[in-house]
């Protein structure tokens, strides 16, 4: 397995498991207007695990990586919602402007990583 694809598969597996180990953190990232934060955390955790497994298996790697790119792209809703709540001295570090900007950049990097694997599979 290609090292970059393997790393993405592991990354998705670890973050998928983290949804179940640290659900409160992931629920805090779900915009309140979406509702059903607990359900969304479970569904997205399962989806990350599934995408990771698909990426780990060469015949399904491209499909898994495209799914990962779409899933991570869907997370932009959370990061863009954070932009409207960002304040320099916000009680939550995750909602301070620099951190919100970093979240967007990192998320874009994850999407690029998944697209790189998808197009190279």
PDB file of N, CA and C in Angstrom:
ATOM      1  N   UNK A   1       0.852  -1.187   0.000  1.00  0.00           N
ATOM      2  CA  UNK A   1       0.000   0.000   0.000  1.00  0.00           C
ATOM      3  C   UNK A   1       0.888   1.237   0.000  1.00  0.00           C
ATOM      4  N   UNK A   2       0.554   2.137  -0.815  1.00  0.00           N
ATOM      5  CA  UNK A   2       1.242   3.420  -0.890  1.00  0.00           C
ATOM      6  C   UNK A   2       1.268   4.073   0.499  1.00  0.00           C
ATOM      7  N   UNK A   3       2.381   4.640   0.874  1.00  0.00           N
ATOM      8  CA  UNK A   3       2.564   5.224   2.209  1.00  0.00           C
ATOM      9  C   UNK A   3       1.578   6.363   2.460  1.00  0.00           C
ATOM     10  N   UNK A   4       1.356   7.198   1.465  1.00  0.00           N
ATOM     11  CA  UNK A   4       0.443   8.333   1.639  1.00  0.00           C
ATOM     12  C   UNK A   4      -0.989   7.843   1.835  1.00  0.00           C
ATOM     13  N   UNK A   5      -1.385   6.835   1.078  1.00  0.00           N
ATOM     14  CA  UNK A   5      -2.726   6.260   1.236  1.00  0.00           C
ATOM     15  C   UNK A   5      -2.847   5.554   2.577  1.00  0.00           C
ATOM     16  N   UNK A   6      -1.798   4.838   2.967  1.00  0.00           N
ATOM     17  CA  UNK A   6      -1.817   4.138   4.262  1.00  0.00           C
ATOM     18  C   UNK A   6      -1.951   5.138   5.401  1.00  0.00           C
ATOM     19  N   UNK A   7      -1.220   6.247   5.300  1.00  0.00           N
ATOM     20  CA  UNK A   7      -1.305   7.269   6.341  1.00  0.00           C
ATOM     21  C   UNK A   7      -2.711   7.859   6.412  1.00  0.00           C
ATOM     22  N   UNK A   8      -3.335   8.077   5.253  1.00  0.00           N
ATOM     23  CA  UNK A   8      -4.705   8.593   5.244  1.00  0.00           C
ATOM     24  C   UNK A   8      -5.662   7.582   5.857  1.00  0.00           C
ATOM     25  N   UNK A   9      -5.494   6.315   5.525  1.00  0.00           N
ATOM     26  CA  UNK A   9      -6.354   5.267   6.098  1.00  0.00           C
ATOM     27  C   UNK A   9      -6.219   5.229   7.615  1.00  0.00           C
ATOM     28  N   UNK A  10      -4.999   5.308   8.108  1.00  0.00           N
ATOM     29  CA  UNK A  10      -4.763   5.298   9.557  1.00  0.00           C
ATOM     30  C   UNK A  10      -5.349   6.558  10.187  1.00  0.00           C
ATOM     31  N   UNK A  11      -5.111   7.690   9.567  1.00  0.00           N
ATOM     32  CA  UNK A  11      -5.642   8.954  10.073  1.00  0.00           C
ATOM     33  C   UNK A  11      -7.165   8.882  10.222  1.00  0.00           C
ATOM     34  N   UNK A  12      -7.835   8.403   9.189  1.00  0.00           N
ATOM     35  CA  UNK A  12      -9.290   8.300   9.245  1.00  0.00           C
ATOM     36  C   UNK A  12      -9.743   7.292  10.294  1.00  0.00           C
ATOM     37  N   UNK A  13      -9.004   6.198  10.405  1.00  0.00           N
ATOM     38  CA  UNK A  13      -9.343   5.209  11.428  1.00  0.00           C
ATOM     39  C   UNK A  13      -9.219   5.779  12.831  1.00  0.00           C
ATOM     40  N   UNK A  14      -8.127   6.493  13.078  1.00  0.00           N
ATOM     41  CA  UNK A  14      -7.906   7.079  14.406  1.00  0.00           C
ATOM     42  C   UNK A  14      -8.953   8.149  14.701  1.00  0.00           C
ATOM     43  N   UNK A  15      -9.220   9.021  13.734  1.00  0.00           N
ATOM     44  CA  UNK A  15     -10.220  10.060  13.994  1.00  0.00           C
ATOM     45  C   UNK A  15     -11.629   9.467  14.084  1.00  0.00           C
ATOM     46  N   UNK A  16     -11.883   8.404  13.335  1.00  0.00           N
ATOM     47  CA  UNK A  16     -13.184   7.735  13.449  1.00  0.00           C
ATOM     48  C   UNK A  16     -13.385   7.164  14.846  1.00  0.00           C
ATOM     49  N   UNK A  17     -12.374   6.506  15.362  1.00  0.00           N
ATOM     50  CA  UNK A  17     -12.444   5.956  16.730  1.00  0.00           C
ATOM     51  C   UNK A  17     -12.571   7.089  17.741  1.00  0.00           C
ATOM     52  N   UNK A  18     -11.849   8.190  17.506  1.00  0.00           N
ATOM     53  CA  UNK A  18     -11.899   9.327  18.430  1.00  0.00           C
ATOM     54  C   UNK A  18     -13.319   9.883  18.576  1.00  0.00           C
ATOM     55  N   UNK A  19     -14.143   9.752  17.531  1.00  0.00           N
ATOM     56  CA  UNK A  19     -15.532  10.201  17.633  1.00  0.00           C
ATOM     57  C   UNK A  19     -16.270   9.463  18.758  1.00  0.00           C
ATOM     58  N   UNK A  20     -15.863   8.248  19.025  1.00  0.00           N
ATOM     59  CA  UNK A  20     -16.524   7.441  20.053  1.00  0.00           C
ATOM     60  C   UNK A  20     -15.838   7.556  21.411  1.00  0.00           C
ATOM     61  N   UNK A  21     -14.558   7.872  21.401  1.00  0.00           N
ATOM     62  CA  UNK A  21     -13.804   8.011  22.657  1.00  0.00           C
ATOM     63  C   UNK A  21     -14.000   9.407  23.250  1.00  0.00           C
ATOM     64  N   UNK A  22     -14.072  10.413  22.390  1.00  0.00           N
ATOM     65  CA  UNK A  22     -14.226  11.805  22.819  1.00  0.00           C
ATOM     66  C   UNK A  22     -15.445  12.458  22.158  1.00  0.00           C
ATOM     67  N   UNK A  23     -16.627  11.890  22.331  1.00  0.00           N
ATOM     68  CA  UNK A  23     -17.800  12.419  21.620  1.00  0.00           C
ATOM     69  C   UNK A  23     -18.141  13.860  21.979  1.00  0.00           C
ATOM     70  N   UNK A  24     -17.862  14.262  23.194  1.00  0.00           N
ATOM     71  CA  UNK A  24     -18.174  15.632  23.606  1.00  0.00           C
ATOM     72  C   UNK A  24     -17.427  16.659  22.777  1.00  0.00           C
ATOM     73  N   UNK A  25     -16.173  16.390  22.511  1.00  0.00           N
ATOM     74  CA  UNK A  25     -15.380  17.302  21.688  1.00  0.00           C
ATOM     75  C   UNK A  25     -16.004  17.431  20.299  1.00  0.00           C
ATOM     76  N   UNK A  26     -16.323  16.304  19.687  1.00  0.00           N
ATOM     77  CA  UNK A  26     -16.870  16.341  18.331  1.00  0.00           C
ATOM     78  C   UNK A  26     -18.272  16.962  18.311  1.00  0.00           C
ATOM     79  N   UNK A  27     -19.064  16.722  19.356  1.00  0.00           N
ATOM     80  CA  UNK A  27     -20.386  17.369  19.433  1.00  0.00           C
ATOM     81  C   UNK A  27     -20.233  18.886  19.503  1.00  0.00           C
ATOM     82  N   UNK A  28     -19.159  19.352  20.162  1.00  0.00           N
ATOM     83  CA  UNK A  28     -18.955  20.799  20.290  1.00  0.00           C
ATOM     84  C   UNK A  28     -18.648  21.452  18.941  1.00  0.00           C
ATOM     85  N   UNK A  29     -18.234  20.662  17.957  1.00  0.00           N
ATOM     86  CA  UNK A  29     -17.925  21.198  16.628  1.00  0.00           C
ATOM     87  C   UNK A  29     -19.152  21.278  15.725  1.00  0.00           C
ATOM     88  N   UNK A  30     -20.230  20.603  16.102  1.00  0.00           N
ATOM     89  CA  UNK A  30     -21.442  20.580  15.277  1.00  0.00           C
ATOM     90  C   UNK A  30     -22.223  21.867  15.511  1.00  0.00           C
ATOM     91  N   UNK A  31     -22.485  22.637  14.452  1.00  0.00           N
ATOM     92  CA  UNK A  31     -23.276  23.862  14.623  1.00  0.00           C
ATOM     93  C   UNK A  31     -24.637  23.550  15.242  1.00  0.00           C
ATOM     94  N   UNK A  32     -25.056  24.396  16.180  1.00  0.00           N
ATOM     95  CA  UNK A  32     -26.309  24.136  16.901  1.00  0.00           C
ATOM     96  C   UNK A  32     -27.502  24.069  15.956  1.00  0.00           C
ATOM     97  N   UNK A  33     -27.482  24.836  14.867  1.00  0.00           N
ATOM     98  CA  UNK A  33     -28.626  24.860  13.953  1.00  0.00           C
ATOM     99  C   UNK A  33     -28.776  23.549  13.173  1.00  0.00           C
ATOM    100  N   UNK A  34     -27.735  22.698  13.186  1.00  0.00           N
ATOM    101  CA  UNK A  34     -27.870  21.393  12.531  1.00  0.00           C
ATOM    102  C   UNK A  34     -28.668  20.421  13.399  1.00  0.00           C
ATOM    103  N   UNK A  35     -28.617  20.614  14.730  1.00  0.00           N
ATOM    104  CA  UNK A  35     -29.304  19.708  15.640  1.00  0.00           C
ATOM    105  C   UNK A  35     -28.713  18.312  15.595  1.00  0.00           C
ATOM    106  N   UNK A  36     -29.240  17.417  16.396  1.00  0.00           N
ATOM    107  CA  UNK A  36     -28.840  16.001  16.413  1.00  0.00           C
ATOM    108  C   UNK A  36     -27.326  15.812  16.437  1.00  0.00           C
ATOM    109  N   UNK A  37     -26.629  16.612  17.242  1.00  0.00           N
ATOM    110  CA  UNK A  37     -25.168  16.548  17.271  1.00  0.00           C
ATOM    111  C   UNK A  37     -24.666  15.146  17.609  1.00  0.00           C
ATOM    112  N   UNK A  38     -25.297  14.492  18.566  1.00  0.00           N
ATOM    113  CA  UNK A  38     -24.864  13.145  18.942  1.00  0.00           C
ATOM    114  C   UNK A  38     -24.954  12.169  17.779  1.00  0.00           C
ATOM    115  N   UNK A  39     -26.047  12.209  17.064  1.00  0.00           N
ATOM    116  CA  UNK A  39     -26.233  11.329  15.909  1.00  0.00           C
ATOM    117  C   UNK A  39     -25.230  11.666  14.806  1.00  0.00           C
ATOM    118  N   UNK A  40     -25.011  12.940  14.550  1.00  0.00           N
ATOM    119  CA  UNK A  40     -24.058  13.344  13.517  1.00  0.00           C
ATOM    120  C   UNK A  40     -22.638  12.895  13.854  1.00  0.00           C
ATOM    121  N   UNK A  41     -22.284  12.938  15.120  1.00  0.00           N
ATOM    122  CA  UNK A  41     -20.949  12.481  15.541  1.00  0.00           C
ATOM    123  C   UNK A  41     -20.814  10.983  15.310  1.00  0.00           C
ATOM    124  N   UNK A  42     -21.836  10.220  15.656  1.00  0.00           N
ATOM    125  CA  UNK A  42     -21.785   8.766  15.439  1.00  0.00           C
ATOM    126  C   UNK A  42     -21.706   8.448  13.946  1.00  0.00           C
ATOM    127  N   UNK A  43     -22.569   9.059  13.155  1.00  0.00           N
ATOM    128  CA  UNK A  43     -22.603   8.792  11.716  1.00  0.00           C
ATOM    129  C   UNK A  43     -21.280   9.182  11.063  1.00  0.00           C
ATOM    130  N   UNK A  44     -20.749  10.347  11.420  1.00  0.00           N
ATOM    131  CA  UNK A  44     -19.487  10.772  10.807  1.00  0.00           C
ATOM    132  C   UNK A  44     -18.322   9.902  11.275  1.00  0.00           C
ATOM    133  N   UNK A  45     -18.363   9.435  12.520  1.00  0.00           N
ATOM    134  CA  UNK A  45     -17.320   8.517  12.996  1.00  0.00           C
ATOM    135  C   UNK A  45     -17.344   7.206  12.230  1.00  0.00           C
ATOM    136  N   UNK A  46     -18.521   6.659  12.030  1.00  0.00           N
ATOM    137  CA  UNK A  46     -18.657   5.416  11.253  1.00  0.00           C
ATOM    138  C   UNK A  46     -18.213   5.647   9.808  1.00  0.00           C
ATOM    139  N   UNK A  47     -18.594   6.794   9.243  1.00  0.00           N
ATOM    140  CA  UNK A  47     -18.204   7.104   7.860  1.00  0.00           C
ATOM    141  C   UNK A  47     -16.692   7.226   7.725  1.00  0.00           C
ATOM    142  N   UNK A  48     -16.033   7.838   8.706  1.00  0.00           N
ATOM    143  CA  UNK A  48     -14.570   7.933   8.657  1.00  0.00           C
ATOM    144  C   UNK A  48     -13.929   6.553   8.741  1.00  0.00           C
ATOM    145  N   UNK A  49     -14.444   5.719   9.626  1.00  0.00           N
ATOM    146  CA  UNK A  49     -13.914   4.349   9.728  1.00  0.00           C
ATOM    147  C   UNK A  49     -14.101   3.603   8.413  1.00  0.00           C
ATOM    148  N   UNK A  50     -15.274   3.723   7.815  1.00  0.00           N
ATOM    149  CA  UNK A  50     -15.544   3.029   6.550  1.00  0.00           C
ATOM    150  C   UNK A  50     -14.628   3.536   5.444  1.00  0.00           C
ATOM    151  N   UNK A  51     -14.458   4.846   5.351  1.00  0.00           N
ATOM    152  CA  UNK A  51     -13.572   5.403   4.321  1.00  0.00           C
ATOM    153  C   UNK A  51     -12.141   4.925   4.541  1.00  0.00           C
ATOM    154  N   UNK A  52     -11.711   4.878   5.788  1.00  0.00           N
ATOM    155  CA  UNK A  52     -10.364   4.393   6.085  1.00  0.00           C
ATOM    156  C   UNK A  52     -10.159   2.958   5.648  1.00  0.00           C
ATOM    157  N   UNK A  53     -11.145   2.111   5.892  1.00  0.00           N
ATOM    158  CA  UNK A  53     -11.056   0.707   5.469  1.00  0.00           C
ATOM    159  C   UNK A  53     -11.015   0.619   3.950  1.00  0.00           C
ATOM    160  N   UNK A  54     -11.868   1.379   3.284  1.00  0.00           N
ATOM    161  CA  UNK A  54     -11.877   1.360   1.814  1.00  0.00           C
ATOM    162  C   UNK A  54     -10.532   1.807   1.240  1.00  0.00           C
ATOM    163  N   UNK A  55      -9.932   2.803   1.848  1.00  0.00           N
ATOM    164  CA  UNK A  55      -8.635   3.289   1.377  1.00  0.00           C
ATOM    165  C   UNK A  55      -7.544   2.251   1.609  1.00  0.00           C
ATOM    166  N   UNK A  56      -7.646   1.499   2.672  1.00  0.00           N
ATOM    167  CA  UNK A  56      -6.632   0.494   3.005  1.00  0.00           C
ATOM    168  C   UNK A  56      -6.624  -0.685   2.036  1.00  0.00           C
ATOM    169  N   UNK A  57      -7.715  -0.895   1.329  1.00  0.00           N
ATOM    170  CA  UNK A  57      -7.835  -2.020   0.403  1.00  0.00           C
ATOM    171  C   UNK A  57      -7.638  -1.490  -1.025  1.00  0.00           C
ATOM    172  N   UNK A  58      -6.537  -1.856  -1.682  1.00  0.00           N
ATOM    173  CA  UNK A  58      -6.231  -1.266  -2.996  1.00  0.00           C
ATOM    174  C   UNK A  58      -7.373  -1.224  -4.015  1.00  0.00           C
ATOM    175  N   UNK A  59      -8.170  -2.288  -4.192  1.00  0.00           N
ATOM    176  CA  UNK A  59      -9.234  -2.194  -5.202  1.00  0.00           C
ATOM    177  C   UNK A  59     -10.313  -1.151  -4.888  1.00  0.00           C
ATOM    178  N   UNK A  60     -10.456  -0.780  -3.610  1.00  0.00           N
ATOM    179  CA  UNK A  60     -11.488   0.194  -3.233  1.00  0.00           C
ATOM    180  C   UNK A  60     -10.882   1.528  -2.789  1.00  0.00           C
ATOM    181  N   UNK A  61      -9.578   1.663  -2.984  1.00  0.00           N
ATOM    182  CA  UNK A  61      -8.869   2.863  -2.504  1.00  0.00           C
ATOM    183  C   UNK A  61      -9.437   4.151  -3.091  1.00  0.00           C
ATOM    184  N   UNK A  62      -9.627   4.186  -4.395  1.00  0.00           N
ATOM    185  CA  UNK A  62     -10.121   5.422  -5.014  1.00  0.00           C
ATOM    186  C   UNK A  62     -11.504   5.785  -4.474  1.00  0.00           C
ATOM    187  N   UNK A  63     -12.397   4.821  -4.396  1.00  0.00           N
ATOM    188  CA  UNK A  63     -13.744   5.092  -3.878  1.00  0.00           C
ATOM    189  C   UNK A  63     -13.680   5.598  -2.440  1.00  0.00           C
ATOM    190  N   UNK A  64     -12.836   4.977  -1.624  1.00  0.00           N
ATOM    191  CA  UNK A  64     -12.691   5.410  -0.238  1.00  0.00           C
ATOM    192  C   UNK A  64     -12.130   6.816  -0.129  1.00  0.00           C
ATOM    193  N   UNK A  65     -11.158   7.130  -0.982  1.00  0.00           N
ATOM    194  CA  UNK A  65     -10.548   8.454  -0.929  1.00  0.00           C
ATOM    195  C   UNK A  65     -11.517   9.528  -1.421  1.00  0.00           C
ATOM    196  N   UNK A  66     -12.306   9.216  -2.470  1.00  0.00           N
ATOM    197  CA  UNK A  66     -13.332  10.166  -2.905  1.00  0.00           C
ATOM    198  C   UNK A  66     -14.368  10.375  -1.801  1.00  0.00           C
ATOM    199  N   UNK A  67     -14.749   9.293  -1.135  1.00  0.00           N
ATOM    200  CA  UNK A  67     -15.704   9.399  -0.027  1.00  0.00           C
ATOM    201  C   UNK A  67     -15.113  10.238   1.107  1.00  0.00           C
ATOM    202  N   UNK A  68     -13.832  10.030   1.394  1.00  0.00           N
ATOM    203  CA  UNK A  68     -13.169  10.807   2.439  1.00  0.00           C
ATOM    204  C   UNK A  68     -13.146  12.287   2.075  1.00  0.00           C
ATOM    205  N   UNK A  69     -12.839  12.600   0.828  1.00  0.00           N
ATOM    206  CA  UNK A  69     -12.812  14.002   0.391  1.00  0.00           C
ATOM    207  C   UNK A  69     -14.190  14.641   0.554  1.00  0.00           C
ATOM    208  N   UNK A  70     -15.231  13.908   0.187  1.00  0.00           N
ATOM    209  CA  UNK A  70     -16.595  14.433   0.329  1.00  0.00           C
ATOM    210  C   UNK A  70     -16.956  14.624   1.803  1.00  0.00           C
ATOM    211  N   UNK A  71     -16.608  13.643   2.618  1.00  0.00           N
ATOM    212  CA  UNK A  71     -16.914  13.718   4.045  1.00  0.00           C
ATOM    213  C   UNK A  71     -16.183  14.890   4.694  1.00  0.00           C
ATOM    214  N   UNK A  72     -14.898  15.002   4.421  1.00  0.00           N
ATOM    215  CA  UNK A  72     -14.122  16.097   5.000  1.00  0.00           C
ATOM    216  C   UNK A  72     -14.622  17.434   4.452  1.00  0.00           C
ATOM    217  N   UNK A  73     -15.023  17.440   3.198  1.00  0.00           N
ATOM    218  CA  UNK A  73     -15.621  18.647   2.633  1.00  0.00           C
ATOM    219  C   UNK A  73     -16.895  19.046   3.364  1.00  0.00           C
ATOM    220  N   UNK A  74     -17.667  18.062   3.767  1.00  0.00           N
ATOM    221  CA  UNK A  74     -18.896  18.352   4.516  1.00  0.00           C
ATOM    222  C   UNK A  74     -18.580  18.989   5.870  1.00  0.00           C
ATOM    223  N   UNK A  75     -17.410  18.701   6.412  1.00  0.00           N
ATOM    224  CA  UNK A  75     -17.007  19.299   7.690  1.00  0.00           C
ATOM    225  C   UNK A  75     -16.764  20.800   7.559  1.00  0.00           C
ATOM    226  N   UNK A  76     -16.616  21.293   6.327  1.00  0.00           N
ATOM    227  CA  UNK A  76     -16.448  22.734   6.137  1.00  0.00           C
ATOM    228  C   UNK A  76     -17.621  23.512   6.717  1.00  0.00           C
ATOM    229  N   UNK A  77     -18.799  22.889   6.762  1.00  0.00           N
ATOM    230  CA  UNK A  77     -19.966  23.545   7.358  1.00  0.00           C
ATOM    231  C   UNK A  77     -19.638  23.964   8.784  1.00  0.00           C
ATOM    232  N   UNK A  78     -19.036  23.076   9.543  1.00  0.00           N
ATOM    233  CA  UNK A  78     -18.671  23.371  10.927  1.00  0.00           C
ATOM    234  C   UNK A  78     -17.629  24.482  11.006  1.00  0.00           C
ATOM    235  N   UNK A  79     -16.601  24.388  10.171  1.00  0.00           N
ATOM    236  CA  UNK A  79     -15.521  25.362  10.223  1.00  0.00           C
ATOM    237  C   UNK A  79     -15.970  26.736   9.727  1.00  0.00           C
ATOM    238  N   UNK A  80     -16.827  26.761   8.725  1.00  0.00           N
ATOM    239  CA  UNK A  80     -17.353  28.041   8.243  1.00  0.00           C
ATOM    240  C   UNK A  80     -18.331  28.652   9.248  1.00  0.00           C
ATOM    241  N   UNK A  81     -19.093  27.818   9.940  1.00  0.00           N
ATOM    242  CA  UNK A  81     -19.983  28.323  10.981  1.00  0.00           C
ATOM    243  C   UNK A  81     -19.163  28.963  12.093  1.00  0.00           C
ATOM    244  N   UNK A  82     -18.001  28.398  12.371  1.00  0.00           N
ATOM    245  CA  UNK A  82     -17.129  28.949  13.413  1.00  0.00           C
ATOM    246  C   UNK A  82     -16.665  30.361  13.057  1.00  0.00           C
ATOM    247  N   UNK A  83     -16.556  30.672  11.766  1.00  0.00           N
ATOM    248  CA  UNK A  83     -16.124  32.003  11.335  1.00  0.00           C
ATOM    249  C   UNK A  83     -17.072  33.066  11.886  1.00  0.00           C
ATOM    250  N   UNK A  84     -18.373  32.794  11.832  1.00  0.00           N
ATOM    251  CA  UNK A  84     -19.328  33.805  12.292  1.00  0.00           C
ATOM    252  C   UNK A  84     -19.357  33.960  13.812  1.00  0.00           C
ATOM    253  N   UNK A  85     -18.815  32.974  14.529  1.00  0.00           N
ATOM    254  CA  UNK A  85     -18.764  33.043  15.997  1.00  0.00           C
ATOM    255  C   UNK A  85     -17.405  33.487  16.520  1.00  0.00           C
ATOM    256  N   UNK A  86     -16.434  33.586  15.648  1.00  0.00           N
ATOM    257  CA  UNK A  86     -15.065  33.877  16.075  1.00  0.00           C
ATOM    258  C   UNK A  86     -14.948  35.269  16.704  1.00  0.00           C
ATOM    259  N   UNK A  87     -14.264  35.296  17.829  1.00  0.00           N
ATOM    260  CA  UNK A  87     -13.982  36.537  18.553  1.00  0.00           C
ATOM    261  C   UNK A  87     -12.571  36.416  19.134  1.00  0.00           C
ATOM    262  N   UNK A  88     -11.819  37.523  19.163  1.00  0.00           N
ATOM    263  CA  UNK A  88     -10.436  37.455  19.641  1.00  0.00           C
ATOM    264  C   UNK A  88     -10.260  36.838  21.027  1.00  0.00           C
ATOM    265  N   UNK A  89     -11.147  37.117  21.951  1.00  0.00           N
ATOM    266  CA  UNK A  89     -10.981  36.571  23.308  1.00  0.00           C
ATOM    267  C   UNK A  89     -12.109  35.607  23.662  1.00  0.00           C
ATOM    268  N   UNK A  90     -12.569  34.876  22.669  1.00  0.00           N
ATOM    269  CA  UNK A  90     -13.675  33.935  22.895  1.00  0.00           C
ATOM    270  C   UNK A  90     -13.270  32.932  23.972  1.00  0.00           C
ATOM    271  N   UNK A  91     -14.237  32.544  24.800  1.00  0.00           N
ATOM    272  CA  UNK A  91     -13.962  31.578  25.868  1.00  0.00           C
ATOM    273  C   UNK A  91     -13.437  30.253  25.318  1.00  0.00           C
ATOM    274  N   UNK A  92     -13.923  29.866  24.152  1.00  0.00           N
ATOM    275  CA  UNK A  92     -13.446  28.648  23.507  1.00  0.00           C
ATOM    276  C   UNK A  92     -12.298  28.998  22.561  1.00  0.00           C
ATOM    277  N   UNK A  93     -11.152  28.410  22.802  1.00  0.00           N
ATOM    278  CA  UNK A  93      -9.989  28.651  21.944  1.00  0.00           C
ATOM    279  C   UNK A  93     -10.326  28.298  20.501  1.00  0.00           C
ATOM    280  N   UNK A  94     -11.165  27.285  20.301  1.00  0.00           N
ATOM    281  CA  UNK A  94     -11.531  26.868  18.949  1.00  0.00           C
ATOM    282  C   UNK A  94     -12.285  27.948  18.177  1.00  0.00           C
ATOM    283  N   UNK A  95     -12.778  28.962  18.883  1.00  0.00           N
ATOM    284  CA  UNK A  95     -13.545  30.014  18.230  1.00  0.00           C
ATOM    285  C   UNK A  95     -12.817  31.360  18.252  1.00  0.00           C
ATOM    286  N   UNK A  96     -11.503  31.310  18.349  1.00  0.00           N
ATOM    287  CA  UNK A  96     -10.696  32.520  18.204  1.00  0.00           C
ATOM    288  C   UNK A  96     -10.264  32.617  16.749  1.00  0.00           C
ATOM    289  N   UNK A  97     -10.210  33.831  16.195  1.00  0.00           N
ATOM    290  CA  UNK A  97      -9.965  33.994  14.752  1.00  0.00           C
ATOM    291  C   UNK A  97      -8.779  33.213  14.183  1.00  0.00           C
ATOM    292  N   UNK A  98      -7.654  33.236  14.834  1.00  0.00           N
ATOM    293  CA  UNK A  98      -6.486  32.514  14.321  1.00  0.00           C
ATOM    294  C   UNK A  98      -6.707  31.016  14.276  1.00  0.00           C
ATOM    295  N   UNK A  99      -7.364  30.496  15.288  1.00  0.00           N
ATOM    296  CA  UNK A  99      -7.637  29.058  15.342  1.00  0.00           C
ATOM    297  C   UNK A  99      -8.680  28.680  14.298  1.00  0.00           C
ATOM    298  N   UNK A 100      -9.683  29.520  14.117  1.00  0.00           N
ATOM    299  CA  UNK A 100     -10.700  29.260  13.092  1.00  0.00           C
ATOM    300  C   UNK A 100     -10.046  29.248  11.711  1.00  0.00           C
ATOM    301  N   UNK A 101      -9.166  30.210  11.462  1.00  0.00           N
ATOM    302  CA  UNK A 101      -8.461  30.238  10.178  1.00  0.00           C
ATOM    303  C   UNK A 101      -7.616  28.978  10.004  1.00  0.00           C
ATOM    304  N   UNK A 102      -6.939  28.560  11.058  1.00  0.00           N
ATOM    305  CA  UNK A 102      -6.126  27.342  10.990  1.00  0.00           C
ATOM    306  C   UNK A 102      -6.997  26.124  10.721  1.00  0.00           C
ATOM    307  N   UNK A 103      -8.174  26.075  11.330  1.00  0.00           N
ATOM    308  CA  UNK A 103      -9.088  24.955  11.089  1.00  0.00           C
ATOM    309  C   UNK A 103      -9.456  24.865   9.615  1.00  0.00           C
ATOM    310  N   UNK A 104      -9.711  26.013   8.999  1.00  0.00           N
ATOM    311  CA  UNK A 104     -10.066  26.021   7.571  1.00  0.00           C
ATOM    312  C   UNK A 104      -8.893  25.559   6.709  1.00  0.00           C
ATOM    313  N   UNK A 105      -7.704  26.029   7.010  1.00  0.00           N
ATOM    314  CA  UNK A 105      -6.523  25.659   6.235  1.00  0.00           C
ATOM    315  C   UNK A 105      -6.222  24.170   6.392  1.00  0.00           C
ATOM    316  N   UNK A 106      -6.270  23.688   7.626  1.00  0.00           N
ATOM    317  CA  UNK A 106      -6.002  22.271   7.875  1.00  0.00           C
ATOM    318  C   UNK A 106      -7.045  21.404   7.187  1.00  0.00           C
ATOM    319  N   UNK A 107      -8.316  21.796   7.270  1.00  0.00           N
ATOM    320  CA  UNK A 107      -9.378  21.031   6.616  1.00  0.00           C
ATOM    321  C   UNK A 107      -9.159  20.989   5.109  1.00  0.00           C
ATOM    322  N   UNK A 108      -8.758  22.107   4.530  1.00  0.00           N
ATOM    323  CA  UNK A 108      -8.467  22.141   3.090  1.00  0.00           C
ATOM    324  C   UNK A 108      -7.310  21.193   2.769  1.00  0.00           C
ATOM    325  N   UNK A 109      -6.319  21.148   3.655  1.00  0.00           N
ATOM    326  CA  UNK A 109      -5.208  20.221   3.465  1.00  0.00           C
ATOM    327  C   UNK A 109      -5.658  18.773   3.500  1.00  0.00           C
ATOM    328  N   UNK A 110      -6.564  18.444   4.404  1.00  0.00           N
ATOM    329  CA  UNK A 110      -7.091  17.080   4.478  1.00  0.00           C
ATOM    330  C   UNK A 110      -7.849  16.720   3.195  1.00  0.00           C
ATOM    331  N   UNK A 111      -8.620  17.672   2.687  1.00  0.00           N
ATOM    332  CA  UNK A 111      -9.344  17.421   1.437  1.00  0.00           C
ATOM    333  C   UNK A 111      -8.341  17.188   0.308  1.00  0.00           C
ATOM    334  N   UNK A 112      -7.315  18.013   0.254  1.00  0.00           N
ATOM    335  CA  UNK A 112      -6.281  17.841  -0.765  1.00  0.00           C
ATOM    336  C   UNK A 112      -5.595  16.496  -0.654  1.00  0.00           C
ATOM    337  N   UNK A 113      -5.322  16.045   0.552  1.00  0.00           N
ATOM    338  CA  UNK A 113      -4.706  14.748   0.806  1.00  0.00           C
ATOM    339  C   UNK A 113      -5.590  13.639   0.246  1.00  0.00           C
ATOM    340  N   UNK A 114      -6.885  13.705   0.574  1.00  0.00           N
ATOM    341  CA  UNK A 114      -7.812  12.675   0.082  1.00  0.00           C
ATOM    342  C   UNK A 114      -7.917  12.706  -1.445  1.00  0.00           C
ATOM    343  N   UNK A 115      -7.950  13.900  -2.028  1.00  0.00           N
ATOM    344  CA  UNK A 115      -8.023  14.006  -3.484  1.00  0.00           C
ATOM    345  C   UNK A 115      -6.751  13.470  -4.148  1.00  0.00           C
ATOM    346  N   UNK A 116      -5.608  13.720  -3.528  1.00  0.00           N
ATOM    347  CA  UNK A 116      -4.336  13.202  -4.036  1.00  0.00           C
ATOM    348  C   UNK A 116      -4.368  11.676  -4.076  1.00  0.00           C
ATOM    349  N   UNK A 117      -4.865  11.076  -3.000  1.00  0.00           N
ATOM    350  CA  UNK A 117      -4.961   9.609  -2.950  1.00  0.00           C
ATOM    351  C   UNK A 117      -5.989   9.118  -3.964  1.00  0.00           C
ATOM    352  N   UNK A 118      -7.128   9.800  -4.059  1.00  0.00           N
ATOM    353  CA  UNK A 118      -8.189   9.383  -4.990  1.00  0.00           C
ATOM    354  C   UNK A 118      -7.714   9.396  -6.428  1.00  0.00           C
ATOM    355  N   UNK A 119      -7.003  10.430  -6.813  1.00  0.00           N
ATOM    356  CA  UNK A 119      -6.584  10.538  -8.209  1.00  0.00           C
ATOM    357  C   UNK A 119      -5.371   9.687  -8.524  1.00  0.00           C
ATOM    358  N   UNK A 120      -4.659   9.266  -7.491  1.00  0.00           N
ATOM    359  CA  UNK A 120      -3.479   8.423  -7.717  1.00  0.00           C
ATOM    360  C   UNK A 120      -3.752   6.948  -7.558  1.00  0.00           C
ATOM    361  N   UNK A 121      -4.946   6.603  -7.132  1.00  0.00           N
ATOM    362  CA  UNK A 121      -5.269   5.182  -6.877  1.00  0.00           C
ATOM    363  C   UNK A 121      -5.503   4.425  -8.179  1.00  0.00           C
TER     364      UNK A 121
END
